[in-house]
Amino acid sequence: MISSAILFGLTSFFYQAALIAKMNIINCIVFGILGLVMGQLMYPIQINYIETQRKLTKQRDTDILTSLFNRRKLSDTLDNWDSNYNPHPLTVAIMVDIDQFKQYNDRYGHQRGDVCLKQMGRCFSSFFKPYGLSIFRYGGEEFVALGKEYEYEELRSICQKLLKTVEALQIPFPESPDGILTISIGFAEYNLCHAYDYKDLIDMADQGLYKAKEAGRNRAVGYLD
């Protein structure tokens, strides 16, 4: 802006009368100063607006209890992927369910159940982050993780590690065969499972989860197993 003002002032003396040129330079300086002042005044307002929008977006997309992405964020993510329809050949889905969580709530109450969900949310968030997988609260005690870059057997290995990680929390639950709260996992991989779309992939992972529960819980089962 300063460079433009200087150029404008110099050319004014070449092409206009001296008095008019001086008036043009004065006007340029005055409006330049006003512009700088207005810019400084508007800057914090703009920053505050951006920060407010960021917080509102985070609140809209975050599950208040577990601090994970919520079902709405999952739907938006899937809709965005489906509209672009550019699936990576190794796109994966993992469905996680807390075993016998209804009985846990009935025994200890909903407040204790909420504490458990928060603990699980922190566990899932820290576990999946190094793997580049996004974790969402699917509903109730169900969660879904989505990502790319893993083959079917690699996915199985990740799920087995997650089982051990949750077991290491040692959340007491006498009604469980293991005496602690456990999870069941189902997983699917886009290419090998021949999924039609991302929603179909999640359904395949959910079918794996159903098999895991039928087989006795506290285990990971793939769609093709």
C-alpha atoms as a PDB file:
ATOM      1  CA  MET A   1       0.000   0.000   0.000  1.00  0.00           C
ATOM      2  CA  ILE A   2       2.876   2.369   0.890  1.00  0.00           C
ATOM      3  CA  SER A   3       4.625   1.554  -2.391  1.00  0.00           C
ATOM      4  CA  SER A   4       1.456   2.308  -4.341  1.00  0.00           C
ATOM      5  CA  ALA A   5       1.047   5.628  -2.480  1.00  0.00           C
ATOM      6  CA  ILE A   6       4.623   6.687  -3.297  1.00  0.00           C
ATOM      7  CA  LEU A   7       4.202   5.727  -6.966  1.00  0.00           C
ATOM      8  CA  PHE A   8       0.892   7.556  -7.129  1.00  0.00           C
ATOM      9  CA  GLY A   9       2.419  10.692  -5.530  1.00  0.00           C
ATOM     10  CA  LEU A  10       5.376  10.794  -7.928  1.00  0.00           C
ATOM     11  CA  THR A  11       3.259  10.311 -11.043  1.00  0.00           C
ATOM     12  CA  SER A  12       0.841  13.035  -9.812  1.00  0.00           C
ATOM     13  CA  PHE A  13       3.628  15.622 -10.060  1.00  0.00           C
ATOM     14  CA  PHE A  14       4.376  14.563 -13.653  1.00  0.00           C
ATOM     15  CA  TYR A  15       0.823  14.544 -14.979  1.00  0.00           C
ATOM     16  CA  GLN A  16      -1.068  17.036 -12.773  1.00  0.00           C
ATOM     17  CA  ALA A  17      -0.730  20.550 -11.460  1.00  0.00           C
ATOM     18  CA  ALA A  18       1.364  20.910  -8.308  1.00  0.00           C
ATOM     19  CA  LEU A  19      -1.593  21.930  -6.114  1.00  0.00           C
ATOM     20  CA  ILE A  20      -3.714  18.997  -7.286  1.00  0.00           C
ATOM     21  CA  ALA A  21      -0.751  16.649  -6.877  1.00  0.00           C
ATOM     22  CA  LYS A  22      -0.226  17.832  -3.290  1.00  0.00           C
ATOM     23  CA  MET A  23      -3.934  17.305  -2.528  1.00  0.00           C
ATOM     24  CA  ASN A  24      -3.757  13.807  -4.012  1.00  0.00           C
ATOM     25  CA  ILE A  25      -0.738  12.960  -1.830  1.00  0.00           C
ATOM     26  CA  ILE A  26      -2.469  14.318   1.299  1.00  0.00           C
ATOM     27  CA  ASN A  27      -5.622  12.335   0.504  1.00  0.00           C
ATOM     28  CA  CYS A  28      -3.523   9.231  -0.107  1.00  0.00           C
ATOM     29  CA  ILE A  29      -1.713   9.623   3.253  1.00  0.00           C
ATOM     30  CA  VAL A  30      -4.949  10.307   5.179  1.00  0.00           C
ATOM     31  CA  PHE A  31      -6.817   7.353   3.720  1.00  0.00           C
ATOM     32  CA  GLY A  32      -3.732   5.150   4.112  1.00  0.00           C
ATOM     33  CA  ILE A  33      -3.582   5.969   7.830  1.00  0.00           C
ATOM     34  CA  LEU A  34      -7.325   5.392   8.169  1.00  0.00           C
ATOM     35  CA  GLY A  35      -6.928   2.039   6.442  1.00  0.00           C
ATOM     36  CA  LEU A  36      -4.142   0.974   8.802  1.00  0.00           C
ATOM     37  CA  VAL A  37      -6.160   2.049  11.860  1.00  0.00           C
ATOM     38  CA  MET A  38      -9.286   0.255  10.656  1.00  0.00           C
ATOM     39  CA  GLY A  39      -7.220  -2.844   9.891  1.00  0.00           C
ATOM     40  CA  GLN A  40      -5.804  -2.890  13.419  1.00  0.00           C
ATOM     41  CA  LEU A  41      -9.289  -2.445  14.878  1.00  0.00           C
ATOM     42  CA  MET A  42     -10.824  -5.188  12.724  1.00  0.00           C
ATOM     43  CA  TYR A  43      -8.005  -7.729  13.221  1.00  0.00           C
ATOM     44  CA  PRO A  44      -8.959  -8.872  16.775  1.00  0.00           C
ATOM     45  CA  ILE A  45     -12.625  -8.947  15.770  1.00  0.00           C
ATOM     46  CA  GLN A  46     -11.827 -11.243  12.839  1.00  0.00           C
ATOM     47  CA  ILE A  47      -9.595 -13.469  15.005  1.00  0.00           C
ATOM     48  CA  ASN A  48     -12.327 -13.711  17.648  1.00  0.00           C
ATOM     49  CA  TYR A  49     -14.889 -14.626  14.979  1.00  0.00           C
ATOM     50  CA  ILE A  50     -12.642 -17.371  13.555  1.00  0.00           C
ATOM     51  CA  GLU A  51     -11.988 -18.771  17.045  1.00  0.00           C
ATOM     52  CA  THR A  52     -15.702 -18.712  17.877  1.00  0.00           C
ATOM     53  CA  GLN A  53     -16.523 -20.584  14.658  1.00  0.00           C
ATOM     54  CA  ARG A  54     -13.796 -23.135  15.434  1.00  0.00           C
ATOM     55  CA  LYS A  55     -15.234 -23.759  18.918  1.00  0.00           C
ATOM     56  CA  LEU A  56     -18.783 -24.054  17.573  1.00  0.00           C
ATOM     57  CA  THR A  57     -17.652 -26.540  14.924  1.00  0.00           C
ATOM     58  CA  LYS A  58     -15.791 -28.571  17.539  1.00  0.00           C
ATOM     59  CA  GLN A  59     -18.837 -28.616  19.833  1.00  0.00           C
ATOM     60  CA  ARG A  60     -21.059 -29.665  16.935  1.00  0.00           C
ATOM     61  CA  ASP A  61     -18.751 -32.498  15.853  1.00  0.00           C
ATOM     62  CA  THR A  62     -17.616 -33.748  19.279  1.00  0.00           C
ATOM     63  CA  ASP A  63     -19.343 -36.182  21.604  1.00  0.00           C
ATOM     64  CA  ILE A  64     -19.663 -34.333  24.912  1.00  0.00           C
ATOM     65  CA  LEU A  65     -19.061 -37.433  27.053  1.00  0.00           C
ATOM     66  CA  THR A  66     -16.080 -39.137  25.395  1.00  0.00           C
ATOM     67  CA  SER A  67     -14.596 -36.086  23.588  1.00  0.00           C
ATOM     68  CA  LEU A  68     -14.412 -38.216  20.421  1.00  0.00           C
ATOM     69  CA  PHE A  69     -15.980 -37.352  17.071  1.00  0.00           C
ATOM     70  CA  ASN A  70     -19.753 -37.930  17.185  1.00  0.00           C
ATOM     71  CA  ARG A  71     -22.244 -39.630  14.861  1.00  0.00           C
ATOM     72  CA  ARG A  72     -22.938 -36.371  13.021  1.00  0.00           C
ATOM     73  CA  LYS A  73     -19.254 -35.930  12.206  1.00  0.00           C
ATOM     74  CA  LEU A  74     -19.159 -39.532  10.993  1.00  0.00           C
ATOM     75  CA  SER A  75     -22.121 -38.929   8.670  1.00  0.00           C
ATOM     76  CA  ASP A  76     -20.529 -35.752   7.296  1.00  0.00           C
ATOM     77  CA  THR A  77     -17.241 -37.590   6.730  1.00  0.00           C
ATOM     78  CA  LEU A  78     -18.904 -40.479   4.913  1.00  0.00           C
ATOM     79  CA  ASP A  79     -21.028 -38.148   2.783  1.00  0.00           C
ATOM     80  CA  ASN A  80     -17.907 -36.224   1.802  1.00  0.00           C
ATOM     81  CA  TRP A  81     -16.049 -39.402   0.868  1.00  0.00           C
ATOM     82  CA  ASP A  82     -19.011 -40.783  -1.082  1.00  0.00           C
ATOM     83  CA  SER A  83     -19.505 -37.541  -3.008  1.00  0.00           C
ATOM     84  CA  ASN A  84     -15.849 -37.581  -4.087  1.00  0.00           C
ATOM     85  CA  TYR A  85     -15.988 -41.374  -4.558  1.00  0.00           C
ATOM     86  CA  ASN A  86     -12.259 -41.890  -4.637  1.00  0.00           C
ATOM     87  CA  PRO A  87     -11.800 -44.871  -2.320  1.00  0.00           C
ATOM     88  CA  HIS A  88      -8.301 -45.901  -1.346  1.00  0.00           C
ATOM     89  CA  PRO A  89      -7.828 -49.648  -2.040  1.00  0.00           C
ATOM     90  CA  LEU A  90      -6.868 -50.237   1.606  1.00  0.00           C
ATOM     91  CA  THR A  91      -9.608 -48.262   3.369  1.00  0.00           C
ATOM     92  CA  VAL A  92     -10.497 -49.946   6.660  1.00  0.00           C
ATOM     93  CA  ALA A  93     -13.217 -49.887   9.302  1.00  0.00           C
ATOM     94  CA  ILE A  94     -13.130 -51.136  12.895  1.00  0.00           C
ATOM     95  CA  MET A  95     -16.265 -51.520  15.016  1.00  0.00           C
ATOM     96  CA  VAL A  96     -15.777 -51.609  18.798  1.00  0.00           C
ATOM     97  CA  ASP A  97     -18.381 -52.470  21.429  1.00  0.00           C
ATOM     98  CA  ILE A  98     -17.953 -52.466  25.226  1.00  0.00           C
ATOM     99  CA  ASP A  99     -18.968 -55.929  26.409  1.00  0.00           C
ATOM    100  CA  GLN A 100     -22.038 -56.197  28.671  1.00  0.00           C
ATOM    101  CA  PHE A 101     -22.106 -52.444  29.215  1.00  0.00           C
ATOM    102  CA  LYS A 102     -25.847 -52.444  29.985  1.00  0.00           C
ATOM    103  CA  GLN A 103     -25.220 -54.842  32.888  1.00  0.00           C
ATOM    104  CA  TYR A 104     -22.337 -52.618  34.009  1.00  0.00           C
ATOM    105  CA  ASN A 105     -24.673 -49.620  34.084  1.00  0.00           C
ATOM    106  CA  ASP A 106     -27.340 -51.608  35.930  1.00  0.00           C
ATOM    107  CA  ARG A 107     -24.844 -52.686  38.597  1.00  0.00           C
ATOM    108  CA  TYR A 108     -22.933 -49.445  39.163  1.00  0.00           C
ATOM    109  CA  GLY A 109     -25.335 -46.764  37.895  1.00  0.00           C
ATOM    110  CA  HIS A 110     -25.192 -44.359  34.986  1.00  0.00           C
ATOM    111  CA  GLN A 111     -22.713 -41.986  36.629  1.00  0.00           C
ATOM    112  CA  ARG A 112     -20.171 -44.779  36.935  1.00  0.00           C
ATOM    113  CA  GLY A 113     -21.044 -45.796  33.382  1.00  0.00           C
ATOM    114  CA  ASP A 114     -20.319 -42.262  32.162  1.00  0.00           C
ATOM    115  CA  VAL A 115     -16.935 -42.338  33.920  1.00  0.00           C
ATOM    116  CA  CYS A 116     -16.208 -45.619  32.152  1.00  0.00           C
ATOM    117  CA  LEU A 117     -17.146 -44.154  28.747  1.00  0.00           C
ATOM    118  CA  LYS A 118     -14.857 -41.181  29.351  1.00  0.00           C
ATOM    119  CA  GLN A 119     -12.014 -43.537  30.251  1.00  0.00           C
ATOM    120  CA  MET A 120     -12.655 -45.625  27.145  1.00  0.00           C
ATOM    121  CA  GLY A 121     -12.784 -42.470  25.020  1.00  0.00           C
ATOM    122  CA  ARG A 122      -9.348 -41.385  26.235  1.00  0.00           C
ATOM    123  CA  CYS A 123      -8.012 -44.888  25.690  1.00  0.00           C
ATOM    124  CA  PHE A 124      -9.331 -45.141  22.117  1.00  0.00           C
ATOM    125  CA  SER A 125      -8.153 -41.640  21.220  1.00  0.00           C
ATOM    126  CA  SER A 126      -4.570 -42.247  22.360  1.00  0.00           C
ATOM    127  CA  PHE A 127      -4.499 -45.759  20.874  1.00  0.00           C
ATOM    128  CA  PHE A 128      -5.717 -44.950  17.354  1.00  0.00           C
ATOM    129  CA  LYS A 129      -3.836 -41.660  16.908  1.00  0.00           C
ATOM    130  CA  PRO A 130      -0.413 -43.220  16.119  1.00  0.00           C
ATOM    131  CA  TYR A 131      -2.090 -45.446  13.515  1.00  0.00           C
ATOM    132  CA  GLY A 132      -3.687 -42.485  11.729  1.00  0.00           C
ATOM    133  CA  LEU A 133      -7.184 -43.846  12.334  1.00  0.00           C
ATOM    134  CA  SER A 134     -10.105 -41.544  13.187  1.00  0.00           C
ATOM    135  CA  ILE A 135     -12.355 -42.780  15.995  1.00  0.00           C
ATOM    136  CA  PHE A 136     -16.051 -41.857  16.312  1.00  0.00           C
ATOM    137  CA  ARG A 137     -18.666 -42.637  18.936  1.00  0.00           C
ATOM    138  CA  TYR A 138     -21.201 -44.546  16.875  1.00  0.00           C
ATOM    139  CA  GLY A 139     -23.871 -44.654  19.555  1.00  0.00           C
ATOM    140  CA  GLY A 140     -24.233 -45.859  23.138  1.00  0.00           C
ATOM    141  CA  GLU A 141     -21.261 -48.113  23.854  1.00  0.00           C
ATOM    142  CA  GLU A 142     -20.352 -48.624  20.170  1.00  0.00           C
ATOM    143  CA  PHE A 143     -17.460 -46.916  18.403  1.00  0.00           C
ATOM    144  CA  VAL A 144     -16.122 -46.984  14.857  1.00  0.00           C
ATOM    145  CA  ALA A 145     -12.602 -46.241  13.628  1.00  0.00           C
ATOM    146  CA  LEU A 146     -11.907 -45.379   9.993  1.00  0.00           C
ATOM    147  CA  GLY A 147      -8.674 -44.985   8.084  1.00  0.00           C
ATOM    148  CA  LYS A 148      -6.479 -46.000   5.185  1.00  0.00           C
ATOM    149  CA  GLU A 149      -3.118 -47.683   4.584  1.00  0.00           C
ATOM    150  CA  TYR A 150      -3.710 -51.068   6.266  1.00  0.00           C
ATOM    151  CA  GLU A 151      -4.202 -54.544   4.842  1.00  0.00           C
ATOM    152  CA  TYR A 152      -6.547 -57.140   6.339  1.00  0.00           C
ATOM    153  CA  GLU A 153      -3.989 -58.975   8.493  1.00  0.00           C
ATOM    154  CA  GLU A 154      -2.375 -55.719   9.616  1.00  0.00           C
ATOM    155  CA  LEU A 155      -5.812 -54.647  10.757  1.00  0.00           C
ATOM    156  CA  ARG A 156      -6.192 -57.855  12.749  1.00  0.00           C
ATOM    157  CA  SER A 157      -2.902 -57.130  14.527  1.00  0.00           C
ATOM    158  CA  ILE A 158      -4.059 -53.604  15.441  1.00  0.00           C
ATOM    159  CA  CYS A 159      -7.322 -54.966  16.836  1.00  0.00           C
ATOM    160  CA  GLN A 160      -5.500 -57.556  18.946  1.00  0.00           C
ATOM    161  CA  LYS A 161      -3.339 -54.791  20.413  1.00  0.00           C
ATOM    162  CA  LEU A 162      -6.466 -52.770  21.212  1.00  0.00           C
ATOM    163  CA  LEU A 163      -7.918 -55.736  23.110  1.00  0.00           C
ATOM    164  CA  LYS A 164      -4.775 -55.917  25.249  1.00  0.00           C
ATOM    165  CA  THR A 165      -4.778 -52.147  25.780  1.00  0.00           C
ATOM    166  CA  VAL A 166      -8.339 -52.194  27.132  1.00  0.00           C
ATOM    167  CA  GLU A 167      -7.566 -55.223  29.307  1.00  0.00           C
ATOM    168  CA  ALA A 168      -4.634 -53.293  30.776  1.00  0.00           C
ATOM    169  CA  LEU A 169      -7.087 -50.664  32.076  1.00  0.00           C
ATOM    170  CA  GLN A 170      -8.275 -53.308  34.556  1.00  0.00           C
ATOM    171  CA  ILE A 171     -11.749 -51.801  35.020  1.00  0.00           C
ATOM    172  CA  PRO A 172     -13.389 -54.119  37.601  1.00  0.00           C
ATOM    173  CA  PHE A 173     -16.565 -55.932  36.531  1.00  0.00           C
ATOM    174  CA  PRO A 174     -17.349 -59.167  38.429  1.00  0.00           C
ATOM    175  CA  GLU A 175     -20.120 -60.184  36.003  1.00  0.00           C
ATOM    176  CA  SER A 176     -17.574 -60.490  33.187  1.00  0.00           C
ATOM    177  CA  PRO A 177     -15.928 -63.906  32.675  1.00  0.00           C
ATOM    178  CA  ASP A 178     -12.564 -62.134  32.954  1.00  0.00           C
ATOM    179  CA  GLY A 179     -13.557 -60.107  36.021  1.00  0.00           C
ATOM    180  CA  ILE A 180     -12.836 -56.862  34.148  1.00  0.00           C
ATOM    181  CA  LEU A 181     -14.554 -54.785  31.493  1.00  0.00           C
ATOM    182  CA  THR A 182     -13.612 -55.913  27.976  1.00  0.00           C
ATOM    183  CA  ILE A 183     -14.464 -55.051  24.386  1.00  0.00           C
ATOM    184  CA  SER A 184     -15.400 -56.930  21.237  1.00  0.00           C
ATOM    185  CA  ILE A 185     -14.142 -55.857  17.809  1.00  0.00           C
ATOM    186  CA  GLY A 186     -15.179 -56.377  14.209  1.00  0.00           C
ATOM    187  CA  PHE A 187     -13.124 -55.190  11.250  1.00  0.00           C
ATOM    188  CA  ALA A 188     -13.213 -55.046   7.445  1.00  0.00           C
ATOM    189  CA  GLU A 189     -10.960 -53.863   4.635  1.00  0.00           C
ATOM    190  CA  TYR A 190     -12.394 -52.164   1.538  1.00  0.00           C
ATOM    191  CA  ASN A 191     -10.567 -53.975  -1.237  1.00  0.00           C
ATOM    192  CA  LEU A 192     -10.443 -57.540   0.087  1.00  0.00           C
ATOM    193  CA  CYS A 193     -14.018 -57.493   1.389  1.00  0.00           C
ATOM    194  CA  HIS A 194     -15.359 -56.010  -1.881  1.00  0.00           C
ATOM    195  CA  ALA A 195     -17.297 -53.259  -0.130  1.00  0.00           C
ATOM    196  CA  TYR A 196     -19.715 -51.275  -2.295  1.00  0.00           C
ATOM    197  CA  ASP A 197     -19.122 -47.996  -0.465  1.00  0.00           C
ATOM    198  CA  TYR A 198     -17.930 -46.727   2.912  1.00  0.00           C
ATOM    199  CA  LYS A 199     -21.271 -47.345   4.617  1.00  0.00           C
ATOM    200  CA  ASP A 200     -21.186 -50.900   3.307  1.00  0.00           C
ATOM    201  CA  LEU A 201     -17.677 -51.238   4.750  1.00  0.00           C
ATOM    202  CA  ILE A 202     -18.909 -50.188   8.205  1.00  0.00           C
ATOM    203  CA  ASP A 203     -21.751 -52.695   7.946  1.00  0.00           C
ATOM    204  CA  MET A 204     -19.192 -55.424   7.163  1.00  0.00           C
ATOM    205  CA  ALA A 205     -17.166 -54.452  10.229  1.00  0.00           C
ATOM    206  CA  ASP A 206     -20.396 -54.557  12.238  1.00  0.00           C
ATOM    207  CA  GLN A 207     -21.021 -58.099  11.021  1.00  0.00           C
ATOM    208  CA  GLY A 208     -17.538 -59.021  12.232  1.00  0.00           C
ATOM    209  CA  LEU A 209     -18.426 -57.500  15.608  1.00  0.00           C
ATOM    210  CA  TYR A 210     -21.578 -59.625  15.755  1.00  0.00           C
ATOM    211  CA  LYS A 211     -19.485 -62.737  15.128  1.00  0.00           C
ATOM    212  CA  ALA A 212     -17.070 -61.702  17.900  1.00  0.00           C
ATOM    213  CA  LYS A 213     -19.937 -61.418  20.373  1.00  0.00           C
ATOM    214  CA  GLU A 214     -21.393 -64.740  19.296  1.00  0.00           C
ATOM    215  CA  ALA A 215     -17.991 -66.375  19.785  1.00  0.00           C
ATOM    216  CA  GLY A 216     -17.809 -65.269  23.415  1.00  0.00           C
ATOM    217  CA  ARG A 217     -16.750 -61.581  23.425  1.00  0.00           C
ATOM    218  CA  ASN A 218     -13.354 -60.083  24.253  1.00  0.00           C
ATOM    219  CA  ARG A 219     -12.000 -60.885  20.796  1.00  0.00           C
ATOM    220  CA  ALA A 220     -11.510 -59.399  17.322  1.00  0.00           C
ATOM    221  CA  VAL A 221     -13.179 -60.985  14.304  1.00  0.00           C
ATOM    222  CA  GLY A 222     -12.958 -59.867  10.688  1.00  0.00           C
ATOM    223  CA  TYR A 223     -15.748 -59.859   8.115  1.00  0.00           C
ATOM    224  CA  LEU A 224     -14.028 -62.682   6.183  1.00  0.00           C
ATOM    225  CA  ASP A 225     -13.293 -64.835   9.233  1.00  0.00           C
END
